[in-house]
Amino acid sequence: LLHDDGVREPLIHDSVVGSTFRARVARVTGE
C-alpha cells in the first residue's frame, strides 16, 4: 500500500507490545 502511495522509504513497523520490524521493498516485479 505504501509503495502504491509513492512511498519509497523503508518502514519501521511497531507492534502493540512495542516490538519492531524493519521492512522495505526489495524489488518490484510484474506480480
PDB file of all heavy atoms in Angstrom:
ATOM      1  N   LEU A   1       0.829  -1.210   0.000  1.00  0.00           N
ATOM      2  CA  LEU A   1       0.000   0.000   0.000  1.00  0.00           C
ATOM      3  C   LEU A   1       0.861   1.256   0.000  1.00  0.00           C
ATOM      4  O   LEU A   1       0.585   2.213  -0.736  1.00  0.00           O
ATOM      5  CB  LEU A   1      -0.934  -0.010   1.204  1.00  0.00           C
ATOM      6  CG  LEU A   1      -2.082  -1.015   1.146  1.00  0.00           C
ATOM      7  CD1 LEU A   1      -2.703  -1.208   2.520  1.00  0.00           C
ATOM      8  CD2 LEU A   1      -3.150  -0.561   0.152  1.00  0.00           C
ATOM      9  N   LEU A   2       1.895   1.282   0.832  1.00  0.00           N
ATOM     10  CA  LEU A   2       2.766   2.457   0.881  1.00  0.00           C
ATOM     11  C   LEU A   2       3.478   2.676  -0.444  1.00  0.00           C
ATOM     12  O   LEU A   2       3.584   3.816  -0.924  1.00  0.00           O
ATOM     13  CB  LEU A   2       3.785   2.293   2.015  1.00  0.00           C
ATOM     14  CG  LEU A   2       3.217   2.410   3.429  1.00  0.00           C
ATOM     15  CD1 LEU A   2       4.252   1.956   4.460  1.00  0.00           C
ATOM     16  CD2 LEU A   2       2.779   3.839   3.727  1.00  0.00           C
ATOM     17  N   HIS A   3       3.952   1.597  -1.051  1.00  0.00           N
ATOM     18  CA  HIS A   3       4.616   1.727  -2.357  1.00  0.00           C
ATOM     19  C   HIS A   3       3.638   2.265  -3.393  1.00  0.00           C
ATOM     20  O   HIS A   3       3.996   3.109  -4.229  1.00  0.00           O
ATOM     21  CB  HIS A   3       5.174   0.369  -2.791  1.00  0.00           C
ATOM     22  CG  HIS A   3       6.088   0.455  -3.978  1.00  0.00           C
ATOM     23  ND1 HIS A   3       5.632   0.352  -5.279  1.00  0.00           N
ATOM     24  CD2 HIS A   3       7.434   0.634  -4.060  1.00  0.00           C
ATOM     25  CE1 HIS A   3       6.653   0.457  -6.107  1.00  0.00           C
ATOM     26  NE2 HIS A   3       7.752   0.629  -5.397  1.00  0.00           N
ATOM     27  N   ASP A   4       2.397   1.802  -3.341  1.00  0.00           N
ATOM     28  CA  ASP A   4       1.370   2.297  -4.260  1.00  0.00           C
ATOM     29  C   ASP A   4       1.079   3.780  -4.028  1.00  0.00           C
ATOM     30  O   ASP A   4       0.691   4.494  -4.952  1.00  0.00           O
ATOM     31  CB  ASP A   4       0.093   1.466  -4.078  1.00  0.00           C
ATOM     32  CG  ASP A   4      -0.947   1.751  -5.134  1.00  0.00           C
ATOM     33  OD1 ASP A   4      -0.658   1.534  -6.338  1.00  0.00           O
ATOM     34  OD2 ASP A   4      -2.056   2.207  -4.784  1.00  0.00           O
ATOM     35  N   ASP A   5       1.295   4.248  -2.795  1.00  0.00           N
ATOM     36  CA  ASP A   5       1.116   5.666  -2.468  1.00  0.00           C
ATOM     37  C   ASP A   5       2.310   6.516  -2.899  1.00  0.00           C
ATOM     38  O   ASP A   5       2.298   7.736  -2.710  1.00  0.00           O
ATOM     39  CB  ASP A   5       0.935   5.835  -0.950  1.00  0.00           C
ATOM     40  CG  ASP A   5      -0.439   5.400  -0.470  1.00  0.00           C
ATOM     41  OD1 ASP A   5      -1.399   5.437  -1.269  1.00  0.00           O
ATOM     42  OD2 ASP A   5      -0.550   5.017   0.716  1.00  0.00           O
ATOM     43  N   GLY A   6       3.358   5.878  -3.403  1.00  0.00           N
ATOM     44  CA  GLY A   6       4.546   6.606  -3.807  1.00  0.00           C
ATOM     45  C   GLY A   6       5.629   6.676  -2.752  1.00  0.00           C
ATOM     46  O   GLY A   6       6.661   7.330  -2.947  1.00  0.00           O
ATOM     47  N   VAL A   7       5.431   5.995  -1.619  1.00  0.00           N
ATOM     48  CA  VAL A   7       6.428   5.979  -0.555  1.00  0.00           C
ATOM     49  C   VAL A   7       7.541   5.006  -0.926  1.00  0.00           C
ATOM     50  O   VAL A   7       7.279   3.850  -1.241  1.00  0.00           O
ATOM     51  CB  VAL A   7       5.783   5.576   0.786  1.00  0.00           C
ATOM     52  CG1 VAL A   7       6.851   5.458   1.873  1.00  0.00           C
ATOM     53  CG2 VAL A   7       4.704   6.568   1.184  1.00  0.00           C
ATOM     54  N   ARG A   8       8.760   5.479  -0.878  1.00  0.00           N
ATOM     55  CA  ARG A   8       9.901   4.618  -1.232  1.00  0.00           C
ATOM     56  C   ARG A   8      10.832   4.372  -0.046  1.00  0.00           C
ATOM     57  O   ARG A   8      11.763   3.578  -0.155  1.00  0.00           O
ATOM     58  CB  ARG A   8      10.686   5.246  -2.387  1.00  0.00           C
ATOM     59  CG  ARG A   8       9.867   5.385  -3.683  1.00  0.00           C
ATOM     60  CD  ARG A   8       9.477   4.021  -4.222  1.00  0.00           C
ATOM     61  NE  ARG A   8       8.712   4.102  -5.464  1.00  0.00           N
ATOM     62  CZ  ARG A   8       7.384   4.070  -5.531  1.00  0.00           C
ATOM     63  NH1 ARG A   8       6.667   3.972  -4.413  1.00  0.00           N
ATOM     64  NH2 ARG A   8       6.766   4.131  -6.690  1.00  0.00           N
ATOM     65  N   GLU A   9      10.606   5.052   1.071  1.00  0.00           N
ATOM     66  CA  GLU A   9      11.449   4.854   2.246  1.00  0.00           C
ATOM     67  C   GLU A   9      11.086   3.538   2.939  1.00  0.00           C
ATOM     68  O   GLU A   9       9.951   3.077   2.881  1.00  0.00           O
ATOM     69  CB  GLU A   9      11.259   6.012   3.243  1.00  0.00           C
ATOM     70  CG  GLU A   9      11.743   7.349   2.743  1.00  0.00           C
ATOM     71  CD  GLU A   9      10.697   8.065   1.901  1.00  0.00           C
ATOM     72  OE1 GLU A   9       9.581   7.514   1.732  1.00  0.00           O
ATOM     73  OE2 GLU A   9      10.993   9.165   1.415  1.00  0.00           O
ATOM     74  N   PRO A  10      12.056   2.923   3.628  1.00  0.00           N
ATOM     75  CA  PRO A  10      11.758   1.735   4.423  1.00  0.00           C
ATOM     76  C   PRO A  10      10.768   2.056   5.542  1.00  0.00           C
ATOM     77  O   PRO A  10      10.612   3.214   5.958  1.00  0.00           O
ATOM     78  CB  PRO A  10      13.123   1.328   4.995  1.00  0.00           C
ATOM     79  CG  PRO A  10      14.122   1.977   4.092  1.00  0.00           C
ATOM     80  CD  PRO A  10      13.493   3.253   3.635  1.00  0.00           C
ATOM     81  N   LEU A  11      10.113   1.024   6.035  1.00  0.00           N
ATOM     82  CA  LEU A  11       9.099   1.157   7.083  1.00  0.00           C
ATOM     83  C   LEU A  11       9.624   0.584   8.388  1.00  0.00           C
ATOM     84  O   LEU A  11      10.073  -0.570   8.436  1.00  0.00           O
ATOM     85  CB  LEU A  11       7.825   0.414   6.670  1.00  0.00           C
ATOM     86  CG  LEU A  11       6.740   0.250   7.736  1.00  0.00           C
ATOM     87  CD1 LEU A  11       6.156   1.612   8.131  1.00  0.00           C
ATOM     88  CD2 LEU A  11       5.632  -0.687   7.234  1.00  0.00           C
ATOM     89  N   ILE A  12       9.574   1.374   9.446  1.00  0.00           N
ATOM     90  CA  ILE A  12       9.761   0.870  10.800  1.00  0.00           C
ATOM     91  C   ILE A  12       8.372   0.601  11.345  1.00  0.00           C
ATOM     92  O   ILE A  12       7.554   1.512  11.474  1.00  0.00           O
ATOM     93  CB  ILE A  12      10.518   1.874  11.687  1.00  0.00           C
ATOM     94  CG1 ILE A  12      11.913   2.138  11.118  1.00  0.00           C
ATOM     95  CG2 ILE A  12      10.617   1.355  13.122  1.00  0.00           C
ATOM     96  CD1 ILE A  12      12.672   3.223  11.857  1.00  0.00           C
ATOM     97  N   HIS A  13       8.076  -0.656  11.626  1.00  0.00           N
ATOM     98  CA  HIS A  13       6.712  -1.071  11.973  1.00  0.00           C
ATOM     99  C   HIS A  13       6.692  -1.555  13.416  1.00  0.00           C
ATOM    100  O   HIS A  13       7.323  -2.559  13.745  1.00  0.00           O
ATOM    101  CB  HIS A  13       6.256  -2.184  11.020  1.00  0.00           C
ATOM    102  CG  HIS A  13       4.829  -2.127  10.661  1.00  0.00           C
ATOM    103  ND1 HIS A  13       4.138  -3.197  10.126  1.00  0.00           N
ATOM    104  CD2 HIS A  13       3.924  -1.111  10.754  1.00  0.00           C
ATOM    105  CE1 HIS A  13       2.887  -2.836   9.884  1.00  0.00           C
ATOM    106  NE2 HIS A  13       2.743  -1.585  10.265  1.00  0.00           N
ATOM    107  N   ASP A  14       5.979  -0.836  14.266  1.00  0.00           N
ATOM    108  CA  ASP A  14       5.890  -1.173  15.681  1.00  0.00           C
ATOM    109  C   ASP A  14       4.620  -1.958  15.961  1.00  0.00           C
ATOM    110  O   ASP A  14       3.591  -1.778  15.285  1.00  0.00           O
ATOM    111  CB  ASP A  14       5.883   0.094  16.536  1.00  0.00           C
ATOM    112  CG  ASP A  14       7.189   0.859  16.467  1.00  0.00           C
ATOM    113  OD1 ASP A  14       8.202   0.273  16.044  1.00  0.00           O
ATOM    114  OD2 ASP A  14       7.191   2.054  16.827  1.00  0.00           O
ATOM    115  N   SER A  15       4.681  -2.792  16.993  1.00  0.00           N
ATOM    116  CA  SER A  15       3.528  -3.596  17.386  1.00  0.00           C
ATOM    117  C   SER A  15       2.845  -2.994  18.606  1.00  0.00           C
ATOM    118  O   SER A  15       3.326  -2.030  19.213  1.00  0.00           O
ATOM    119  CB  SER A  15       3.957  -5.026  17.704  1.00  0.00           C
ATOM    120  OG  SER A  15       4.549  -5.083  18.991  1.00  0.00           O
ATOM    121  N   VAL A  16       1.762  -3.624  18.997  1.00  0.00           N
ATOM    122  CA  VAL A  16       1.005  -3.168  20.155  1.00  0.00           C
ATOM    123  C   VAL A  16       1.766  -3.398  21.460  1.00  0.00           C
ATOM    124  O   VAL A  16       1.478  -2.759  22.471  1.00  0.00           O
ATOM    125  CB  VAL A  16      -0.374  -3.862  20.186  1.00  0.00           C
ATOM    126  CG1 VAL A  16      -0.228  -5.342  20.517  1.00  0.00           C
ATOM    127  CG2 VAL A  16      -1.326  -3.169  21.143  1.00  0.00           C
ATOM    128  N   VAL A  17       2.778  -4.306  21.461  1.00  0.00           N
ATOM    129  CA  VAL A  17       3.565  -4.537  22.674  1.00  0.00           C
ATOM    130  C   VAL A  17       4.921  -3.837  22.617  1.00  0.00           C
ATOM    131  O   VAL A  17       5.751  -4.012  23.518  1.00  0.00           O
ATOM    132  CB  VAL A  17       3.757  -6.045  22.947  1.00  0.00           C
ATOM    133  CG1 VAL A  17       2.426  -6.741  23.090  1.00  0.00           C
ATOM    134  CG2 VAL A  17       4.613  -6.710  21.875  1.00  0.00           C
ATOM    135  N   GLY A  18       5.171  -3.051  21.568  1.00  0.00           N
ATOM    136  CA  GLY A  18       6.412  -2.293  21.470  1.00  0.00           C
ATOM    137  C   GLY A  18       7.532  -2.961  20.706  1.00  0.00           C
ATOM    138  O   GLY A  18       8.626  -2.399  20.591  1.00  0.00           O
ATOM    139  N   SER A  19       7.314  -4.165  20.177  1.00  0.00           N
ATOM    140  CA  SER A  19       8.334  -4.802  19.339  1.00  0.00           C
ATOM    141  C   SER A  19       8.315  -4.172  17.948  1.00  0.00           C
ATOM    142  O   SER A  19       7.342  -3.515  17.552  1.00  0.00           O
ATOM    143  CB  SER A  19       8.100  -6.309  19.255  1.00  0.00           C
ATOM    144  OG  SER A  19       6.792  -6.601  18.814  1.00  0.00           O
ATOM    145  N   THR A  20       9.392  -4.391  17.194  1.00  0.00           N
ATOM    146  CA  THR A  20       9.568  -3.677  15.923  1.00  0.00           C
ATOM    147  C   THR A  20      10.059  -4.601  14.821  1.00  0.00           C
ATOM    148  O   THR A  20      10.919  -5.460  15.048  1.00  0.00           O
ATOM    149  CB  THR A  20      10.587  -2.526  16.110  1.00  0.00           C
ATOM    150  OG1 THR A  20      10.068  -1.587  17.056  1.00  0.00           O
ATOM    151  CG2 THR A  20      10.847  -1.804  14.798  1.00  0.00           C
ATOM    152  N   PHE A  21       9.502  -4.426  13.631  1.00  0.00           N
ATOM    153  CA  PHE A  21      10.047  -4.987  12.400  1.00  0.00           C
ATOM    154  C   PHE A  21      10.566  -3.833  11.551  1.00  0.00           C
ATOM    155  O   PHE A  21       9.959  -2.741  11.541  1.00  0.00           O
ATOM    156  CB  PHE A  21       8.973  -5.726  11.588  1.00  0.00           C
ATOM    157  CG  PHE A  21       8.555  -7.064  12.147  1.00  0.00           C
ATOM    158  CD1 PHE A  21       7.361  -7.640  11.720  1.00  0.00           C
ATOM    159  CD2 PHE A  21       9.330  -7.755  13.059  1.00  0.00           C
ATOM    160  CE1 PHE A  21       6.951  -8.875  12.207  1.00  0.00           C
ATOM    161  CE2 PHE A  21       8.926  -8.985  13.559  1.00  0.00           C
ATOM    162  CZ  PHE A  21       7.728  -9.544  13.130  1.00  0.00           C
ATOM    163  N   ARG A  22      11.640  -4.084  10.835  1.00  0.00           N
ATOM    164  CA  ARG A  22      12.144  -3.114   9.848  1.00  0.00           C
ATOM    165  C   ARG A  22      11.914  -3.719   8.469  1.00  0.00           C
ATOM    166  O   ARG A  22      12.345  -4.846   8.224  1.00  0.00           O
ATOM    167  CB  ARG A  22      13.621  -2.801  10.086  1.00  0.00           C
ATOM    168  CG  ARG A  22      13.853  -2.033  11.370  1.00  0.00           C
ATOM    169  CD  ARG A  22      15.331  -1.728  11.611  1.00  0.00           C
ATOM    170  NE  ARG A  22      15.483  -0.863  12.781  1.00  0.00           N
ATOM    171  CZ  ARG A  22      15.546   0.474  12.734  1.00  0.00           C
ATOM    172  NH1 ARG A  22      15.511   1.087  11.557  1.00  0.00           N
ATOM    173  NH2 ARG A  22      15.679   1.175  13.833  1.00  0.00           N
ATOM    174  N   ALA A  23      11.235  -2.983   7.615  1.00  0.00           N
ATOM    175  CA  ALA A  23      10.775  -3.557   6.352  1.00  0.00           C
ATOM    176  C   ALA A  23      11.077  -2.625   5.189  1.00  0.00           C
ATOM    177  O   ALA A  23      11.111  -1.401   5.338  1.00  0.00           O
ATOM    178  CB  ALA A  23       9.268  -3.836   6.428  1.00  0.00           C
ATOM    179  N   ARG A  24      11.261  -3.257   4.041  1.00  0.00           N
ATOM    180  CA  ARG A  24      11.490  -2.475   2.826  1.00  0.00           C
ATOM    181  C   ARG A  24      11.049  -3.282   1.623  1.00  0.00           C
ATOM    182  O   ARG A  24      10.902  -4.520   1.689  1.00  0.00           O
ATOM    183  CB  ARG A  24      12.970  -2.109   2.686  1.00  0.00           C
ATOM    184  CG  ARG A  24      13.867  -3.279   2.350  1.00  0.00           C
ATOM    185  CD  ARG A  24      15.333  -2.890   2.299  1.00  0.00           C
ATOM    186  NE  ARG A  24      16.183  -3.986   1.817  1.00  0.00           N
ATOM    187  CZ  ARG A  24      16.588  -4.128   0.558  1.00  0.00           C
ATOM    188  NH1 ARG A  24      16.235  -3.224  -0.360  1.00  0.00           N
ATOM    189  NH2 ARG A  24      17.339  -5.147   0.202  1.00  0.00           N
ATOM    190  N   VAL A  25      10.839  -2.588   0.531  1.00  0.00           N
ATOM    191  CA  VAL A  25      10.579  -3.240  -0.746  1.00  0.00           C
ATOM    192  C   VAL A  25      11.921  -3.601  -1.359  1.00  0.00           C
ATOM    193  O   VAL A  25      12.736  -2.721  -1.664  1.00  0.00           O
ATOM    194  CB  VAL A  25       9.773  -2.327  -1.684  1.00  0.00           C
ATOM    195  CG1 VAL A  25       9.686  -2.939  -3.083  1.00  0.00           C
ATOM    196  CG2 VAL A  25       8.368  -2.092  -1.122  1.00  0.00           C
ATOM    197  N   ALA A  26      12.182  -4.898  -1.527  1.00  0.00           N
ATOM    198  CA  ALA A  26      13.467  -5.343  -2.076  1.00  0.00           C
ATOM    199  C   ALA A  26      13.536  -5.118  -3.579  1.00  0.00           C
ATOM    200  O   ALA A  26      14.571  -4.719  -4.111  1.00  0.00           O
ATOM    201  CB  ALA A  26      13.688  -6.812  -1.753  1.00  0.00           C
ATOM    202  N   ARG A  27      12.412  -5.392  -4.249  1.00  0.00           N
ATOM    203  CA  ARG A  27      12.354  -5.177  -5.690  1.00  0.00           C
ATOM    204  C   ARG A  27      10.890  -5.184  -6.122  1.00  0.00           C
ATOM    205  O   ARG A  27      10.009  -5.603  -5.374  1.00  0.00           O
ATOM    206  CB  ARG A  27      13.144  -6.240  -6.451  1.00  0.00           C
ATOM    207  CG  ARG A  27      12.634  -7.662  -6.304  1.00  0.00           C
ATOM    208  CD  ARG A  27      13.553  -8.654  -7.016  1.00  0.00           C
ATOM    209  NE  ARG A  27      12.997 -10.004  -7.010  1.00  0.00           N
ATOM    210  CZ  ARG A  27      13.108 -10.862  -6.011  1.00  0.00           C
ATOM    211  NH1 ARG A  27      13.770 -10.498  -4.917  1.00  0.00           N
ATOM    212  NH2 ARG A  27      12.579 -12.069  -6.098  1.00  0.00           N
ATOM    213  N   VAL A  28      10.681  -4.726  -7.346  1.00  0.00           N
ATOM    214  CA  VAL A  28       9.334  -4.677  -7.912  1.00  0.00           C
ATOM    215  C   VAL A  28       9.278  -5.637  -9.092  1.00  0.00           C
ATOM    216  O   VAL A  28      10.166  -5.629  -9.953  1.00  0.00           O
ATOM    217  CB  VAL A  28       8.979  -3.246  -8.372  1.00  0.00           C
ATOM    218  CG1 VAL A  28       7.560  -3.208  -8.932  1.00  0.00           C
ATOM    219  CG2 VAL A  28       9.113  -2.261  -7.221  1.00  0.00           C
ATOM    220  N   THR A  29       8.274  -6.492  -9.104  1.00  0.00           N
ATOM    221  CA  THR A  29       8.095  -7.451 -10.188  1.00  0.00           C
ATOM    222  C   THR A  29       6.748  -7.210 -10.850  1.00  0.00           C
ATOM    223  O   THR A  29       5.948  -6.382 -10.398  1.00  0.00           O
ATOM    224  CB  THR A  29       8.142  -8.893  -9.658  1.00  0.00           C
ATOM    225  OG1 THR A  29       6.934  -9.165  -8.931  1.00  0.00           O
ATOM    226  CG2 THR A  29       9.343  -9.105  -8.739  1.00  0.00           C
ATOM    227  N   GLY A  30       6.467  -7.947 -11.896  1.00  0.00           N
ATOM    228  CA  GLY A  30       5.176  -7.842 -12.548  1.00  0.00           C
ATOM    229  C   GLY A  30       4.034  -8.325 -11.675  1.00  0.00           C
ATOM    230  O   GLY A  30       2.868  -7.960 -11.900  1.00  0.00           O
ATOM    231  N   GLU A  31       4.340  -9.137 -10.659  1.00  0.00           N
ATOM    232  CA  GLU A  31       3.315  -9.644  -9.751  1.00  0.00           C
ATOM    233  C   GLU A  31       3.068  -8.733  -8.559  1.00  0.00           C
ATOM    234  O   GLU A  31       2.021  -8.813  -7.911  1.00  0.00           O
ATOM    235  CB  GLU A  31       3.719 -11.030  -9.237  1.00  0.00           C
ATOM    236  CG  GLU A  31       3.887 -12.080 -10.306  1.00  0.00           C
ATOM    237  CD  GLU A  31       4.406 -13.373  -9.710  1.00  0.00           C
ATOM    238  OE1 GLU A  31       3.572 -14.194  -9.280  1.00  0.00           O
ATOM    239  OE2 GLU A  31       5.634 -13.553  -9.654  1.00  0.00           O
TER     240      GLU A  31
END
